[in-house]
C-alpha cells in the first residue's frame, strides 16, 4: 500500500496530501478495482437477461449477514468473526440453487427471480428481527460506505477481479450462446448449466463483498447500467466491453469525488453518473449499426 499512497500523493487534491486521509486513498483504490468488475459483469448480466438477478443476490447476501450475526451472538466460537463470509457462502448457494431451479422449471426467469428474491428478503428480515432484534443495525448495508473499506478487502477484490477476467476470457462466448439459444449450446457440447452456475456464483461473490461499500439499494444498478449504456452505442463486441468497462471506471471515480466534496452517498453518486451516461448514449442509439 505504501507504493499506492506515494502515487496518490502526486494528485492535485487536498485529500491527497502525504500522510493524511488514508481512508480516501483506500476508497479510490477500491473504486479502481471494483469498477472494472462491475463493467465486465454488466455485459454478461445484460446479455443473459438477468438484470434483476443481482438484486435477488443482494437480498440473499443480506440474509447471509443476518445469519452470520446470529451465529456470532449464539456461539463463542464465531465471536468476532466477519459475517461477510457466511453471507458469501449463503449467496453462492442461493445462486447455484436458483440456476438449478431455473433449468428445471418451465417458468420464466423473472418469475423464478421474483420467488427467490421475495423469499430471501423475507428470511433476512425475519432473522434480523428474530427475538425482538432491531433492524436499524443493518441500515448501513442499504446505503453502504466505501470510505470504510480496508486494505485487506481491496486485496480480496483484486483477486476476485483476476478470477473474473479469466472466466470472462474463457467463457463469455459460450455463456452468450447459452443465453441466446440453450438448445444450440447443448448441441455444441457446451455445459450450459455449469456455465450459468459459475457465472451466477461470480456475481454472488462480487455483490456480497461490495454491498457494504456501495449499498444494497443501488448495487443492482451498477451491474446493469454500464452494459445497458454500452449496448446503446457499441458497434461490435470489442466496443461493447470496452465502453462498459470505461463507463463504470469513469463513473466510479467521479462518484467518489462527488461524494467526498458534497457529502453524498458514493454508491448513489456513481449510479447517477451511470444513469446520465445511459441517457446520453440513448440519444445516440440510432447511430448504432
Protein backbone atom coordinates (compact mmCIF):
# COMPACT_ATOMS: atom_id res chain seq x y z
CA UNK A 1 0.00 0.00 0.00
CA UNK A 2 2.92 2.36 0.54
CA UNK A 3 3.58 2.48 -3.20
CA UNK A 4 -0.08 3.30 -3.84
CA UNK A 5 -0.03 6.06 -1.22
CA UNK A 6 3.10 7.52 -2.83
CA UNK A 7 1.34 7.60 -6.22
CA UNK A 8 -1.81 9.22 -4.83
CA UNK A 9 0.29 11.84 -3.06
CA UNK A 10 1.09 13.25 -6.51
CA UNK A 11 -2.57 14.06 -7.26
CA UNK A 12 -3.69 17.71 -7.02
CA UNK A 13 -6.35 17.19 -4.36
CA UNK A 14 -6.46 18.34 -0.76
CA UNK A 15 -7.13 14.82 0.47
CA UNK A 16 -4.09 13.51 -1.46
CA UNK A 17 -1.58 15.28 0.75
CA UNK A 18 1.16 12.97 2.14
CA UNK A 19 0.44 11.32 5.48
CA UNK A 20 -3.27 12.14 5.64
CA UNK A 21 -6.74 10.89 4.71
CA UNK A 22 -5.76 7.29 4.07
CA UNK A 23 -9.44 6.34 4.08
CA UNK A 24 -9.97 8.37 0.90
CA UNK A 25 -6.88 6.89 -0.75
CA UNK A 26 -8.09 3.39 0.11
CA UNK A 27 -11.53 4.24 -1.29
CA UNK A 28 -10.00 5.42 -4.59
CA UNK A 29 -8.06 2.18 -4.95
CA UNK A 30 -11.21 0.21 -4.16
CA UNK A 31 -13.07 2.08 -6.91
CA UNK A 32 -10.30 1.30 -9.40
CA UNK A 33 -10.61 -2.39 -8.52
CA UNK A 34 -14.38 -2.85 -8.33
CA UNK A 35 -15.36 -0.62 -11.27
CA UNK A 36 -13.83 -2.96 -13.90
CA UNK A 37 -15.58 -5.83 -12.11
CA UNK A 38 -18.97 -4.18 -12.49
CA UNK A 39 -18.16 -3.17 -16.07
CA UNK A 40 -17.30 -6.72 -17.15
CA UNK A 41 -20.09 -8.45 -15.24
CA UNK A 42 -22.59 -5.90 -16.53
CA UNK A 43 -22.13 -7.05 -20.12
CA UNK A 44 -22.85 -10.62 -19.02
CA UNK A 45 -25.87 -9.60 -16.95
CA UNK A 46 -27.40 -7.57 -19.79
CA UNK A 47 -26.80 -10.18 -22.46
CA UNK A 48 -28.08 -13.00 -20.24
CA UNK A 49 -31.25 -11.01 -19.43
CA UNK A 50 -30.60 -11.33 -15.69
CA UNK A 51 -30.87 -7.69 -14.69
CA UNK A 52 -32.85 -8.43 -11.54
CA UNK A 53 -30.77 -11.45 -10.56
CA UNK A 54 -28.12 -9.31 -8.85
CA UNK A 55 -30.88 -7.61 -6.86
CA UNK A 56 -32.06 -11.01 -5.65
CA UNK A 57 -28.46 -11.86 -4.76
CA UNK A 58 -28.25 -8.69 -2.71
CA UNK A 59 -31.24 -9.86 -0.71
CA UNK A 60 -29.64 -13.26 -0.19
CA UNK A 61 -26.38 -11.61 0.90
CA UNK A 62 -28.31 -9.57 3.45
CA UNK A 63 -29.84 -12.80 4.74
CA UNK A 64 -26.34 -14.30 4.98
CA UNK A 65 -25.17 -11.30 7.01
CA UNK A 66 -28.12 -11.77 9.36
CA UNK A 67 -27.28 -15.47 9.77
CA UNK A 68 -23.63 -14.67 10.43
CA UNK A 69 -24.58 -12.09 13.04
CA UNK A 70 -26.86 -14.57 14.80
CA UNK A 71 -24.13 -17.20 14.80
CA UNK A 72 -21.66 -14.73 16.29
CA UNK A 73 -24.13 -13.89 19.04
CA UNK A 74 -25.11 -17.51 19.74
CA UNK A 75 -21.73 -19.26 19.80
CA UNK A 76 -18.49 -18.01 21.24
CA UNK A 77 -16.67 -19.94 18.52
CA UNK A 78 -17.94 -17.43 15.98
CA UNK A 79 -17.47 -14.39 18.22
CA UNK A 80 -15.62 -11.66 16.36
CA UNK A 81 -15.89 -13.49 13.03
CA UNK A 82 -16.76 -11.47 9.96
CA UNK A 83 -20.40 -12.24 8.97
CA UNK A 84 -19.43 -11.47 5.37
CA UNK A 85 -18.00 -14.96 4.89
CA UNK A 86 -21.29 -16.54 5.93
CA UNK A 87 -23.03 -14.15 3.54
CA UNK A 88 -20.70 -15.20 0.70
CA UNK A 89 -21.41 -18.89 1.26
CA UNK A 90 -25.14 -18.29 1.52
CA UNK A 91 -25.21 -16.12 -1.62
CA UNK A 92 -23.23 -18.67 -3.65
CA UNK A 93 -25.56 -21.46 -2.50
CA UNK A 94 -28.52 -19.24 -3.34
CA UNK A 95 -27.14 -18.56 -6.83
CA UNK A 96 -26.50 -22.24 -7.54
CA UNK A 97 -29.96 -23.23 -6.31
CA UNK A 98 -31.52 -20.52 -8.46
CA UNK A 99 -29.63 -21.76 -11.53
CA UNK A 100 -30.76 -25.33 -10.87
CA UNK A 101 -34.43 -24.38 -10.39
CA UNK A 102 -34.43 -22.15 -13.46
CA UNK A 103 -33.12 -25.02 -15.58
CA UNK A 104 -35.66 -27.48 -14.19
CA UNK A 105 -38.80 -25.37 -14.44
CA UNK A 106 -40.83 -24.02 -17.33
CA UNK A 107 -41.40 -20.73 -15.51
CA UNK A 108 -39.89 -17.55 -16.93
CA UNK A 109 -36.63 -16.32 -15.41
CA UNK A 110 -38.22 -13.18 -13.97
CA UNK A 111 -40.78 -15.33 -12.15
CA UNK A 112 -38.10 -17.55 -10.62
CA UNK A 113 -36.08 -14.48 -9.65
CA UNK A 114 -39.17 -12.98 -8.02
CA UNK A 115 -39.76 -16.15 -5.98
CA UNK A 116 -36.16 -16.33 -4.77
CA UNK A 117 -35.85 -12.59 -4.16
CA UNK A 118 -39.01 -12.29 -2.08
CA UNK A 119 -38.11 -15.40 -0.08
CA UNK A 120 -34.57 -14.15 0.60
CA UNK A 121 -35.62 -10.68 1.75
CA UNK A 122 -38.41 -12.10 3.96
CA UNK A 123 -35.99 -14.57 5.55
CA UNK A 124 -33.43 -11.83 6.07
CA UNK A 125 -35.89 -9.51 7.80
CA UNK A 126 -37.23 -12.43 9.88
CA UNK A 127 -33.74 -13.31 11.11
CA UNK A 128 -32.73 -9.68 11.65
CA UNK A 129 -35.76 -9.06 13.87
CA UNK A 130 -35.79 -12.54 15.49
CA UNK A 131 -36.29 -12.37 19.24
CA UNK A 132 -37.22 -8.72 19.15
CA UNK A 133 -33.97 -7.64 17.50
CA UNK A 134 -33.63 -4.22 15.92
CA UNK A 135 -33.28 -3.82 12.16
CA UNK A 136 -31.56 -0.45 12.49
CA UNK A 137 -28.11 -2.03 12.85
CA UNK A 138 -28.43 -3.25 9.25
CA UNK A 139 -29.33 0.16 7.85
CA UNK A 140 -25.72 0.77 6.83
CA UNK A 141 -25.98 -2.13 4.36
CA UNK A 142 -28.71 -0.30 2.46
CA UNK A 143 -26.59 2.77 1.71
CA UNK A 144 -23.02 1.49 2.01
CA UNK A 145 -19.85 3.34 2.91
CA UNK A 146 -16.88 2.97 0.58
CA UNK A 147 -14.77 5.18 2.86
CA UNK A 148 -14.73 2.33 5.39
CA UNK A 149 -13.01 -0.13 3.05
CA UNK A 150 -9.94 -1.88 4.45
CA UNK A 151 -6.73 -2.71 2.53
CA UNK A 152 -7.32 -6.42 3.09
CA UNK A 153 -10.74 -6.27 1.42
CA UNK A 154 -9.21 -4.38 -1.52
CA UNK A 155 -6.70 -7.21 -1.96
CA UNK A 156 -9.55 -9.72 -1.90
CA UNK A 157 -11.42 -7.78 -4.59
CA UNK A 158 -8.26 -7.56 -6.71
CA UNK A 159 -8.02 -11.37 -6.56
CA UNK A 160 -11.70 -11.69 -7.50
CA UNK A 161 -11.11 -9.29 -10.41
CA UNK A 162 -8.34 -11.53 -11.76
CA UNK A 163 -10.59 -14.62 -11.46
CA UNK A 164 -13.50 -12.86 -13.19
CA UNK A 165 -11.24 -11.70 -16.05
CA UNK A 166 -10.06 -15.29 -16.57
CA UNK A 167 -13.66 -16.57 -16.54
CA UNK A 168 -14.73 -13.78 -18.88
CA UNK A 169 -11.98 -14.54 -21.40
CA UNK A 170 -12.63 -18.28 -21.32
CA UNK A 171 -16.41 -18.41 -21.07
CA UNK A 172 -18.09 -15.29 -22.47
CA UNK A 173 -18.77 -16.70 -25.94
CA UNK A 174 -20.16 -19.94 -24.51
CA UNK A 175 -22.26 -18.07 -21.98
CA UNK A 176 -23.61 -15.74 -24.65
CA UNK A 177 -24.62 -18.67 -26.87
CA UNK A 178 -26.16 -20.44 -23.88
CA UNK A 179 -28.27 -17.39 -23.04
CA UNK A 180 -29.39 -16.78 -26.62
CA UNK A 181 -30.01 -20.39 -27.69
CA UNK A 182 -29.59 -23.02 -24.92
CA UNK A 183 -30.50 -25.93 -27.22
CA UNK A 184 -27.86 -24.94 -29.76
CA UNK A 185 -25.32 -24.52 -26.98
CA UNK A 186 -26.09 -28.04 -25.75
CA UNK A 187 -25.68 -29.42 -29.26
CA UNK A 188 -22.26 -27.75 -29.45
CA UNK A 189 -21.14 -29.57 -26.32
CA UNK A 190 -21.38 -26.52 -24.04
CA UNK A 191 -22.33 -27.40 -20.49
CA UNK A 192 -24.97 -24.74 -20.14
CA UNK A 193 -25.81 -25.43 -16.50
CA UNK A 194 -22.22 -25.17 -15.32
CA UNK A 195 -21.57 -22.07 -17.42
CA UNK A 196 -24.55 -20.36 -15.80
CA UNK A 197 -23.67 -21.72 -12.35
CA UNK A 198 -20.12 -20.34 -12.42
CA UNK A 199 -21.35 -17.00 -13.76
CA UNK A 200 -24.05 -16.80 -11.07
CA UNK A 201 -21.56 -17.68 -8.34
CA UNK A 202 -19.18 -14.95 -9.56
CA UNK A 203 -21.93 -12.34 -9.36
CA UNK A 204 -22.89 -13.63 -5.90
CA UNK A 205 -19.36 -13.17 -4.56
CA UNK A 206 -18.96 -9.69 -6.06
CA UNK A 207 -22.36 -8.48 -4.81
CA UNK A 208 -21.78 -9.85 -1.31
CA UNK A 209 -18.28 -8.47 -0.83
CA UNK A 210 -19.09 -5.00 -2.22
CA UNK A 211 -22.56 -4.46 -0.76
CA UNK A 212 -21.17 -2.83 2.41
CA UNK A 213 -19.34 -0.32 0.20
CA UNK A 214 -21.94 0.71 -2.38
CA UNK A 215 -25.20 -0.29 -0.65
CA UNK A 216 -27.90 -2.83 -1.43
CA UNK A 217 -30.26 -0.18 -2.76
CA UNK A 218 -28.07 0.69 -5.75
CA UNK A 219 -25.81 -2.31 -6.30
CA UNK A 220 -28.13 -3.79 -8.91
CA UNK A 221 -27.90 -0.56 -10.92
CA UNK A 222 -24.11 -0.82 -11.01
CA UNK A 223 -24.45 -4.25 -12.61
CA UNK A 224 -26.95 -3.11 -15.24
CA UNK A 225 -26.26 0.48 -16.29
CA UNK A 226 -22.70 0.12 -17.69
CA UNK A 227 -23.68 -2.71 -20.04
CA UNK A 228 -27.01 -1.12 -20.94
CA UNK A 229 -25.35 2.19 -21.83
CA UNK A 230 -22.61 0.47 -23.81
CA UNK A 231 -25.17 -1.52 -25.76
CA UNK A 232 -26.79 1.72 -26.94
CA UNK A 233 -23.73 2.85 -28.90
CA UNK A 234 -21.35 -0.09 -29.33
CA UNK A 235 -20.99 -1.36 -32.89
CA UNK A 236 -19.21 -4.60 -32.05
CA UNK A 237 -18.37 -6.79 -29.09
CA UNK A 238 -14.98 -5.18 -28.51
CA UNK A 239 -16.54 -1.73 -28.23
CA UNK A 240 -19.34 -3.15 -26.10
CA UNK A 241 -16.99 -4.47 -23.41
CA UNK A 242 -14.62 -1.52 -23.58
CA UNK A 243 -17.34 1.13 -23.26
CA UNK A 244 -18.97 -0.75 -20.38
CA UNK A 245 -15.68 -1.03 -18.51
CA UNK A 246 -14.61 2.58 -19.11
CA UNK A 247 -18.01 4.00 -18.21
CA UNK A 248 -18.03 2.07 -14.94
CA UNK A 249 -14.50 3.26 -14.16
CA UNK A 250 -15.22 6.92 -15.00
CA UNK A 251 -18.47 6.92 -13.05
CA UNK A 252 -16.75 5.26 -10.09
CA UNK A 253 -14.06 7.92 -9.86
CA UNK A 254 -16.47 10.81 -10.47
CA UNK A 255 -18.95 9.42 -7.94
CA UNK A 256 -16.30 9.01 -5.25
CA UNK A 257 -15.03 12.58 -5.71
CA UNK A 258 -18.57 13.95 -5.74
CA UNK A 259 -19.45 12.10 -2.53
CA UNK A 260 -16.33 13.48 -0.84
CA UNK A 261 -16.87 17.12 -1.78
CA UNK A 262 -20.64 17.37 -1.27
CA UNK A 263 -21.13 14.66 1.38
CA UNK A 264 -23.42 12.36 -0.60
CA UNK A 265 -23.52 8.58 -0.77
CA UNK A 266 -20.75 7.24 -3.02
CA UNK A 267 -22.89 4.38 -4.34
CA UNK A 268 -25.76 6.69 -5.23
CA UNK A 269 -23.40 9.23 -6.83
CA UNK A 270 -21.80 6.55 -9.00
CA UNK A 271 -25.21 5.27 -10.05
CA UNK A 272 -26.42 8.73 -11.03
CA UNK A 273 -23.35 9.30 -13.22
CA UNK A 274 -24.03 5.98 -14.94
CA UNK A 275 -27.68 6.94 -15.39
CA UNK A 276 -26.62 10.21 -17.05
CA UNK A 277 -24.26 8.29 -19.32
CA UNK A 278 -27.08 5.92 -20.24
CA UNK A 279 -29.34 8.88 -21.08
CA UNK A 280 -26.64 10.38 -23.32
CA UNK A 281 -25.97 7.12 -25.15
CA UNK A 282 -29.71 6.56 -25.50
CA UNK A 283 -29.91 9.78 -27.50
CA UNK A 284 -27.31 8.44 -29.93
CA UNK A 285 -28.64 4.89 -30.12
CA UNK A 286 -29.85 5.27 -33.75
CA UNK A 287 -26.26 5.62 -34.89
CA UNK A 288 -25.51 2.09 -33.71
CA UNK A 289 -25.01 -0.34 -36.62
